[in-house]
Structures are given as C-alpha cells and as structure tokens.
Amino acid sequence: MRHGETAWNVQTRIQGQLDIGLNAIGRQQAQRLARALADENLDAIYASDLQRAADTARAVAERAGLPLRTDAALRERGFGTFEGLTWAEVELHHPEASRRWREREAGFGPPGGETLTDFYARAVSALAAIAARHRGEHIAIVTHGGVLDALYRAASRIALDAPRTWQLGNASINRVLYGEHGFTMVGWNDSLHLVGGAALDEASA
C-alpha cells in the first residue's frame, strides 16, 4: 500500500526522504485502509520509517492487533536538491535535470539524490527480503509511490525507462505474490475503500 495523502501531495511538492506527515484526508484514508484489511488475516505488517507511511501502517497494525515493523530500506527515492520543490519549480529552476528525470534516465540522479537504477535495486531488494522472510504468509507493506512503481515494474517485467501507465493512489491496495521467480502481479490500485475520499496520484515519484 502507498501511504495516505499529505499536504505536499496536494501541492505536487516532491517529498523524497523528507519526513512529511499525513494531512486530515490522509489520516482518514489510513482508517479506511485499516477497515478494508480487517479480514485479511495478516501475519506481519511493515512500513517505511518515514511518518507518512508509518502512521498509515500503524492504523492497519492497531486494527489487526499486530506489531508494526519499520524499515528504512522502504523509504521513498532520495531526490536530493529536488526535495521540497514542486514539479513546476523543478522544471523552472533545473530544466535539464527535470528533463532527464521525466524521461526516466536510469543512470540519472538529482544532485544529492539516488539514481533511478540504484533506487530500483534498493526498493526491490528490500521488498524481496521481507517477502522471503515470510514465505507462505500474508504480509502488508506500507511504503511510497516510487517504491510501488519499482514493485509494479518488477512484477510486470517492465523496463525502468518505460513510461508509467498505471496509477499509484494514496492508500490504495496492491497485491503481488512472491515466489521462486520473484514477484507476480495479482491486482493493482484497488481504491474502492476510499470512495468518497481523495486519493491523489504522484505520477512522477
């Protein structure tokens, strides 16, 4: 699952690894997500240690009666000097870097940030390590749009530089299996539990 909405999501401001909390809608989404997963018989719950993900996961964990385990390897991509800027500001102040980012140049990283290749390797390795630790179990992971984009690509065998055509809504549910050959897609961006609430997509995470 992706974390609930933040004020910076609304502003299209790049959060990266800055520790931005949920807004009121995001907190409501976390509760709706917890209710949606109440009958899932979860065995473990993990989250990025950034508060927008950890607080979303905490709602799920409390309802499920399970401890929450946080993992810094599940953090969003480090965007370096892009962090705190809106997409429009990145394009205005860093036009060449913005172009390379939007074109998904695998070896490009914003100054002080992660390259797409390094981020993908970190995210998928972290998800696979958790899945391998819980073989045969049903686990929930709350993380960030960029991490989920990496998971979608890994499960669908889609190249890093391919344009994104799938949604990554706040507090949506995405289901994958993990086995001998890695991740396999089951379902994506289930947001029926959020009907009546906002679920913004961070299309360039």
C-alpha atoms as a PDB file:
ATOM      1  CA  MET A   1       0.000   0.000   0.000  1.00  0.00           C
ATOM      2  CA  ARG A   2       1.001   3.573  -0.522  1.00  0.00           C
ATOM      3  CA  HIS A   3       0.782   5.973   2.412  1.00  0.00           C
ATOM      4  CA  GLY A   4      -2.200   8.260   2.830  1.00  0.00           C
ATOM      5  CA  GLU A   5      -2.363  11.769   1.434  1.00  0.00           C
ATOM      6  CA  THR A   6      -0.089  14.581   2.626  1.00  0.00           C
ATOM      7  CA  ALA A   7      -0.318  18.321   2.091  1.00  0.00           C
ATOM      8  CA  TRP A   8       2.698  18.059  -0.208  1.00  0.00           C
ATOM      9  CA  ASN A   9       0.901  15.503  -2.393  1.00  0.00           C
ATOM     10  CA  VAL A  10      -1.818  18.100  -2.915  1.00  0.00           C
ATOM     11  CA  GLN A  11       0.772  20.747  -3.771  1.00  0.00           C
ATOM     12  CA  THR A  12       2.685  18.385  -6.144  1.00  0.00           C
ATOM     13  CA  ARG A  13       5.719  19.058  -3.949  1.00  0.00           C
ATOM     14  CA  ILE A  14       8.461  16.428  -4.011  1.00  0.00           C
ATOM     15  CA  GLN A  15       8.795  14.770  -0.614  1.00  0.00           C
ATOM     16  CA  GLY A  16      11.503  12.218  -1.291  1.00  0.00           C
ATOM     17  CA  GLN A  17      13.024  11.321   2.064  1.00  0.00           C
ATOM     18  CA  LEU A  18      11.812  14.438   3.878  1.00  0.00           C
ATOM     19  CA  ASP A  19       9.617  13.345   6.787  1.00  0.00           C
ATOM     20  CA  ILE A  20       6.247  14.851   5.906  1.00  0.00           C
ATOM     21  CA  GLY A  21       3.199  13.780   7.909  1.00  0.00           C
ATOM     22  CA  LEU A  22      -0.310  12.886   6.776  1.00  0.00           C
ATOM     23  CA  ASN A  23      -2.944  15.567   6.345  1.00  0.00           C
ATOM     24  CA  ALA A  24      -6.515  15.169   7.613  1.00  0.00           C
ATOM     25  CA  ILE A  25      -7.604  13.310   4.472  1.00  0.00           C
ATOM     26  CA  GLY A  26      -4.558  11.053   4.743  1.00  0.00           C
ATOM     27  CA  ARG A  27      -5.426  10.132   8.312  1.00  0.00           C
ATOM     28  CA  GLN A  28      -8.978   9.329   7.214  1.00  0.00           C
ATOM     29  CA  GLN A  29      -7.628   7.208   4.363  1.00  0.00           C
ATOM     30  CA  ALA A  30      -5.440   5.277   6.814  1.00  0.00           C
ATOM     31  CA  GLN A  31      -8.510   4.377   8.871  1.00  0.00           C
ATOM     32  CA  ARG A  32     -10.425   3.302   5.772  1.00  0.00           C
ATOM     33  CA  LEU A  33      -7.471   1.196   4.692  1.00  0.00           C
ATOM     34  CA  ALA A  34      -7.358  -0.448   8.117  1.00  0.00           C
ATOM     35  CA  ARG A  35     -11.049  -1.334   7.877  1.00  0.00           C
ATOM     36  CA  ALA A  36     -10.577  -2.703   4.353  1.00  0.00           C
ATOM     37  CA  LEU A  37      -7.819  -5.035   5.556  1.00  0.00           C
ATOM     38  CA  ALA A  38      -9.521  -6.076   8.793  1.00  0.00           C
ATOM     39  CA  ASP A  39     -10.476  -9.539   7.485  1.00  0.00           C
ATOM     40  CA  GLU A  40      -7.231 -10.283   5.642  1.00  0.00           C
ATOM     41  CA  ASN A  41      -5.667 -12.476   8.376  1.00  0.00           C
ATOM     42  CA  LEU A  42      -2.336 -10.698   8.109  1.00  0.00           C
ATOM     43  CA  ASP A  43       0.772 -12.287   9.592  1.00  0.00           C
ATOM     44  CA  ALA A  44       3.023  -9.225   9.639  1.00  0.00           C
ATOM     45  CA  ILE A  45       2.943  -5.501   8.868  1.00  0.00           C
ATOM     46  CA  TYR A  46       5.906  -3.457   7.651  1.00  0.00           C
ATOM     47  CA  ALA A  47       6.344   0.193   6.729  1.00  0.00           C
ATOM     48  CA  SER A  48       8.895   2.744   5.703  1.00  0.00           C
ATOM     49  CA  ASP A  49      10.130   4.597   8.767  1.00  0.00           C
ATOM     50  CA  LEU A  50       9.017   7.954   7.323  1.00  0.00           C
ATOM     51  CA  GLN A  51       5.976   9.102   9.307  1.00  0.00           C
ATOM     52  CA  ARG A  52       3.530   9.345   6.388  1.00  0.00           C
ATOM     53  CA  ALA A  53       3.998   5.610   5.743  1.00  0.00           C
ATOM     54  CA  ALA A  54       4.490   4.527   9.355  1.00  0.00           C
ATOM     55  CA  ASP A  55       1.363   6.348  10.544  1.00  0.00           C
ATOM     56  CA  THR A  56      -0.706   4.839   7.721  1.00  0.00           C
ATOM     57  CA  ALA A  57       0.588   1.375   8.618  1.00  0.00           C
ATOM     58  CA  ARG A  58       0.052   1.956  12.334  1.00  0.00           C
ATOM     59  CA  ALA A  59      -3.699   2.255  11.748  1.00  0.00           C
ATOM     60  CA  VAL A  60      -3.645  -1.124   9.973  1.00  0.00           C
ATOM     61  CA  ALA A  61      -1.465  -2.706  12.657  1.00  0.00           C
ATOM     62  CA  GLU A  62      -3.602  -1.490  15.536  1.00  0.00           C
ATOM     63  CA  ARG A  63      -6.786  -2.831  13.972  1.00  0.00           C
ATOM     64  CA  ALA A  64      -5.087  -6.159  13.161  1.00  0.00           C
ATOM     65  CA  GLY A  65      -3.535  -6.447  16.620  1.00  0.00           C
ATOM     66  CA  LEU A  66      -0.038  -6.839  15.184  1.00  0.00           C
ATOM     67  CA  PRO A  67       3.227  -5.018  15.879  1.00  0.00           C
ATOM     68  CA  LEU A  68       4.438  -2.567  13.273  1.00  0.00           C
ATOM     69  CA  ARG A  69       7.930  -3.168  11.911  1.00  0.00           C
ATOM     70  CA  THR A  70       9.631  -0.214  10.202  1.00  0.00           C
ATOM     71  CA  ASP A  71      12.424  -0.498   7.650  1.00  0.00           C
ATOM     72  CA  ALA A  72      14.416   2.471   6.309  1.00  0.00           C
ATOM     73  CA  ALA A  73      15.105   0.498   3.105  1.00  0.00           C
ATOM     74  CA  LEU A  74      11.414   1.034   2.217  1.00  0.00           C
ATOM     75  CA  ARG A  75      11.845   4.822   2.061  1.00  0.00           C
ATOM     76  CA  GLU A  76      10.966   6.865  -0.985  1.00  0.00           C
ATOM     77  CA  ARG A  77      13.683   7.638  -3.524  1.00  0.00           C
ATOM     78  CA  GLY A  78      16.141  10.254  -2.345  1.00  0.00           C
ATOM     79  CA  PHE A  79      15.579  13.279  -4.595  1.00  0.00           C
ATOM     80  CA  GLY A  80      18.391  15.453  -3.238  1.00  0.00           C
ATOM     81  CA  THR A  81      18.030  19.082  -4.312  1.00  0.00           C
ATOM     82  CA  PHE A  82      14.579  18.380  -5.809  1.00  0.00           C
ATOM     83  CA  GLU A  83      13.100  17.726  -2.371  1.00  0.00           C
ATOM     84  CA  GLY A  84      10.742  20.467  -1.219  1.00  0.00           C
ATOM     85  CA  LEU A  85      10.191  21.789  -4.752  1.00  0.00           C
ATOM     86  CA  THR A  86       7.017  21.435  -6.791  1.00  0.00           C
ATOM     87  CA  TRP A  87       7.237  19.705 -10.166  1.00  0.00           C
ATOM     88  CA  ALA A  88       6.838  23.121 -11.821  1.00  0.00           C
ATOM     89  CA  GLU A  89       9.692  24.583  -9.748  1.00  0.00           C
ATOM     90  CA  VAL A  90      11.990  21.701 -10.674  1.00  0.00           C
ATOM     91  CA  GLU A  91      11.241  22.324 -14.345  1.00  0.00           C
ATOM     92  CA  LEU A  92      11.776  26.069 -13.961  1.00  0.00           C
ATOM     93  CA  HIS A  93      14.993  26.016 -11.935  1.00  0.00           C
ATOM     94  CA  HIS A  94      16.550  22.752 -13.162  1.00  0.00           C
ATOM     95  CA  PRO A  95      15.284  22.314 -16.752  1.00  0.00           C
ATOM     96  CA  GLU A  96      17.926  19.837 -17.928  1.00  0.00           C
ATOM     97  CA  ALA A  97      17.766  17.762 -14.757  1.00  0.00           C
ATOM     98  CA  SER A  98      13.966  17.869 -14.946  1.00  0.00           C
ATOM     99  CA  ARG A  99      14.061  16.520 -18.495  1.00  0.00           C
ATOM    100  CA  ARG A 100      16.365  13.652 -17.524  1.00  0.00           C
ATOM    101  CA  TRP A 101      14.162  12.809 -14.534  1.00  0.00           C
ATOM    102  CA  ARG A 102      10.916  12.872 -16.525  1.00  0.00           C
ATOM    103  CA  GLU A 103      12.452  10.779 -19.297  1.00  0.00           C
ATOM    104  CA  ARG A 104      13.354   8.179 -16.650  1.00  0.00           C
ATOM    105  CA  GLU A 105      17.052   8.146 -17.458  1.00  0.00           C
ATOM    106  CA  ALA A 106      18.196   5.143 -15.434  1.00  0.00           C
ATOM    107  CA  GLY A 107      21.622   6.484 -14.518  1.00  0.00           C
ATOM    108  CA  PHE A 108      20.398   9.955 -13.573  1.00  0.00           C
ATOM    109  CA  GLY A 109      20.016  11.142 -10.005  1.00  0.00           C
ATOM    110  CA  PRO A 110      19.215  14.673  -8.842  1.00  0.00           C
ATOM    111  CA  PRO A 111      22.212  16.304  -7.121  1.00  0.00           C
ATOM    112  CA  GLY A 112      22.485  14.662  -3.712  1.00  0.00           C
ATOM    113  CA  GLY A 113      19.853  12.044  -4.630  1.00  0.00           C
ATOM    114  CA  GLU A 114      19.672   8.452  -5.843  1.00  0.00           C
ATOM    115  CA  THR A 115      19.932   7.340  -9.443  1.00  0.00           C
ATOM    116  CA  LEU A 116      16.890   5.508 -10.713  1.00  0.00           C
ATOM    117  CA  THR A 117      18.957   2.325 -11.082  1.00  0.00           C
ATOM    118  CA  ASP A 118      20.232   2.453  -7.503  1.00  0.00           C
ATOM    119  CA  PHE A 119      16.793   3.298  -6.117  1.00  0.00           C
ATOM    120  CA  TYR A 120      15.124   0.450  -8.020  1.00  0.00           C
ATOM    121  CA  ALA A 121      17.715  -2.034  -6.755  1.00  0.00           C
ATOM    122  CA  ARG A 122      17.297  -0.827  -3.176  1.00  0.00           C
ATOM    123  CA  ALA A 123      13.494  -0.888  -3.257  1.00  0.00           C
ATOM    124  CA  VAL A 124      13.043  -4.276  -4.920  1.00  0.00           C
ATOM    125  CA  SER A 125      15.730  -5.876  -2.746  1.00  0.00           C
ATOM    126  CA  ALA A 126      14.027  -4.582   0.396  1.00  0.00           C
ATOM    127  CA  LEU A 127      10.615  -5.884  -0.697  1.00  0.00           C
ATOM    128  CA  ALA A 128      12.044  -9.248  -1.724  1.00  0.00           C
ATOM    129  CA  ALA A 129      13.909  -9.625   1.573  1.00  0.00           C
ATOM    130  CA  ILE A 130      10.705  -9.069   3.542  1.00  0.00           C
ATOM    131  CA  ALA A 131       8.750 -11.460   1.329  1.00  0.00           C
ATOM    132  CA  ALA A 132      11.450 -14.148   1.623  1.00  0.00           C
ATOM    133  CA  ARG A 133      11.412 -13.778   5.407  1.00  0.00           C
ATOM    134  CA  HIS A 134       7.679 -14.574   5.438  1.00  0.00           C
ATOM    135  CA  ARG A 135       7.289 -17.366   2.892  1.00  0.00           C
ATOM    136  CA  GLY A 136       3.780 -18.789   2.965  1.00  0.00           C
ATOM    137  CA  GLU A 137       2.491 -15.836   4.953  1.00  0.00           C
ATOM    138  CA  HIS A 138       0.265 -12.877   4.177  1.00  0.00           C
ATOM    139  CA  ILE A 139       2.008  -9.578   4.827  1.00  0.00           C
ATOM    140  CA  ALA A 140       1.141  -5.915   4.450  1.00  0.00           C
ATOM    141  CA  ILE A 141       3.740  -3.310   3.486  1.00  0.00           C
ATOM    142  CA  VAL A 142       3.069   0.423   3.525  1.00  0.00           C
ATOM    143  CA  THR A 143       5.552   2.432   1.522  1.00  0.00           C
ATOM    144  CA  HIS A 144       5.802   5.170  -1.120  1.00  0.00           C
ATOM    145  CA  GLY A 145       4.828   5.829  -4.737  1.00  0.00           C
ATOM    146  CA  GLY A 146       8.327   5.342  -6.089  1.00  0.00           C
ATOM    147  CA  VAL A 147       8.792   2.039  -4.263  1.00  0.00           C
ATOM    148  CA  LEU A 148       5.452   0.804  -5.569  1.00  0.00           C
ATOM    149  CA  ASP A 149       6.396   1.885  -9.082  1.00  0.00           C
ATOM    150  CA  ALA A 150       9.521  -0.273  -8.740  1.00  0.00           C
ATOM    151  CA  LEU A 151       7.410  -3.189  -7.489  1.00  0.00           C
ATOM    152  CA  TYR A 152       4.975  -2.860 -10.392  1.00  0.00           C
ATOM    153  CA  ARG A 153       7.855  -2.945 -12.861  1.00  0.00           C
ATOM    154  CA  ALA A 154       9.443  -5.938 -11.142  1.00  0.00           C
ATOM    155  CA  ALA A 155       6.157  -7.873 -11.054  1.00  0.00           C
ATOM    156  CA  SER A 156       5.211  -6.961 -14.639  1.00  0.00           C
ATOM    157  CA  ARG A 157       8.732  -7.245 -16.127  1.00  0.00           C
ATOM    158  CA  ILE A 158       8.576  -3.655 -17.386  1.00  0.00           C
ATOM    159  CA  ALA A 159      11.759  -1.688 -18.131  1.00  0.00           C
ATOM    160  CA  LEU A 160      12.865   1.150 -15.873  1.00  0.00           C
ATOM    161  CA  ASP A 161      12.695   3.713 -18.664  1.00  0.00           C
ATOM    162  CA  ALA A 162       9.210   2.736 -19.866  1.00  0.00           C
ATOM    163  CA  PRO A 163       6.596   5.468 -19.276  1.00  0.00           C
ATOM    164  CA  ARG A 164       4.269   4.859 -16.364  1.00  0.00           C
ATOM    165  CA  THR A 165       0.729   3.989 -17.416  1.00  0.00           C
ATOM    166  CA  TRP A 166      -0.541   2.728 -14.043  1.00  0.00           C
ATOM    167  CA  GLN A 167      -1.869   4.582 -11.030  1.00  0.00           C
ATOM    168  CA  LEU A 168      -0.338   4.813  -7.558  1.00  0.00           C
ATOM    169  CA  GLY A 169      -3.166   6.250  -5.491  1.00  0.00           C
ATOM    170  CA  ASN A 170      -2.766   7.213  -1.852  1.00  0.00           C
ATOM    171  CA  ALA A 171      -3.813   4.363   0.478  1.00  0.00           C
ATOM    172  CA  SER A 172      -4.690   2.080  -2.443  1.00  0.00           C
ATOM    173  CA  ILE A 173      -4.206  -1.684  -2.120  1.00  0.00           C
ATOM    174  CA  ASN A 174      -1.838  -3.500  -4.485  1.00  0.00           C
ATOM    175  CA  ARG A 175      -1.450  -7.284  -4.398  1.00  0.00           C
ATOM    176  CA  VAL A 176       1.505  -9.362  -5.545  1.00  0.00           C
ATOM    177  CA  LEU A 177       2.783 -12.882  -4.984  1.00  0.00           C
ATOM    178  CA  TYR A 178       6.423 -13.674  -4.266  1.00  0.00           C
ATOM    179  CA  GLY A 179       7.956 -16.984  -5.294  1.00  0.00           C
ATOM    180  CA  GLU A 180      10.862 -18.717  -6.949  1.00  0.00           C
ATOM    181  CA  HIS A 181      10.851 -16.356  -9.922  1.00  0.00           C
ATOM    182  CA  GLY A 182      10.325 -13.144  -7.967  1.00  0.00           C
ATOM    183  CA  PHE A 183       7.184 -11.036  -7.885  1.00  0.00           C
ATOM    184  CA  THR A 184       3.981 -11.737  -9.841  1.00  0.00           C
ATOM    185  CA  MET A 185       1.118  -9.279 -10.229  1.00  0.00           C
ATOM    186  CA  VAL A 186      -2.274 -10.133  -8.710  1.00  0.00           C
ATOM    187  CA  GLY A 187      -4.128  -6.802  -8.528  1.00  0.00           C
ATOM    188  CA  TRP A 188      -3.304  -3.103  -8.566  1.00  0.00           C
ATOM    189  CA  ASN A 189      -4.586   0.214  -7.230  1.00  0.00           C
ATOM    190  CA  ASP A 190      -7.705  -1.094  -5.509  1.00  0.00           C
ATOM    191  CA  SER A 191      -9.250   2.036  -4.025  1.00  0.00           C
ATOM    192  CA  LEU A 192     -12.897   1.037  -3.536  1.00  0.00           C
ATOM    193  CA  HIS A 193     -12.468   1.503   0.212  1.00  0.00           C
ATOM    194  CA  LEU A 194     -11.668   5.170  -0.419  1.00  0.00           C
ATOM    195  CA  VAL A 195     -14.879   6.053  -2.256  1.00  0.00           C
ATOM    196  CA  GLY A 196     -15.863   9.499  -1.080  1.00  0.00           C
ATOM    197  CA  GLY A 197     -12.260  10.471  -0.209  1.00  0.00           C
ATOM    198  CA  ALA A 198      -9.359  11.857  -2.221  1.00  0.00           C
ATOM    199  CA  ALA A 199      -6.587   9.604  -3.482  1.00  0.00           C
ATOM    200  CA  LEU A 200      -4.004  11.676  -5.323  1.00  0.00           C
ATOM    201  CA  ASP A 201      -1.562  10.050  -7.729  1.00  0.00           C
ATOM    202  CA  GLU A 202       2.075  11.146  -7.606  1.00  0.00           C
ATOM    203  CA  ALA A 203       2.727  10.466 -11.261  1.00  0.00           C
ATOM    204  CA  SER A 204       6.425  11.323 -11.256  1.00  0.00           C
ATOM    205  CA  ALA A 205       7.510   9.686  -7.994  1.00  0.00           C
END
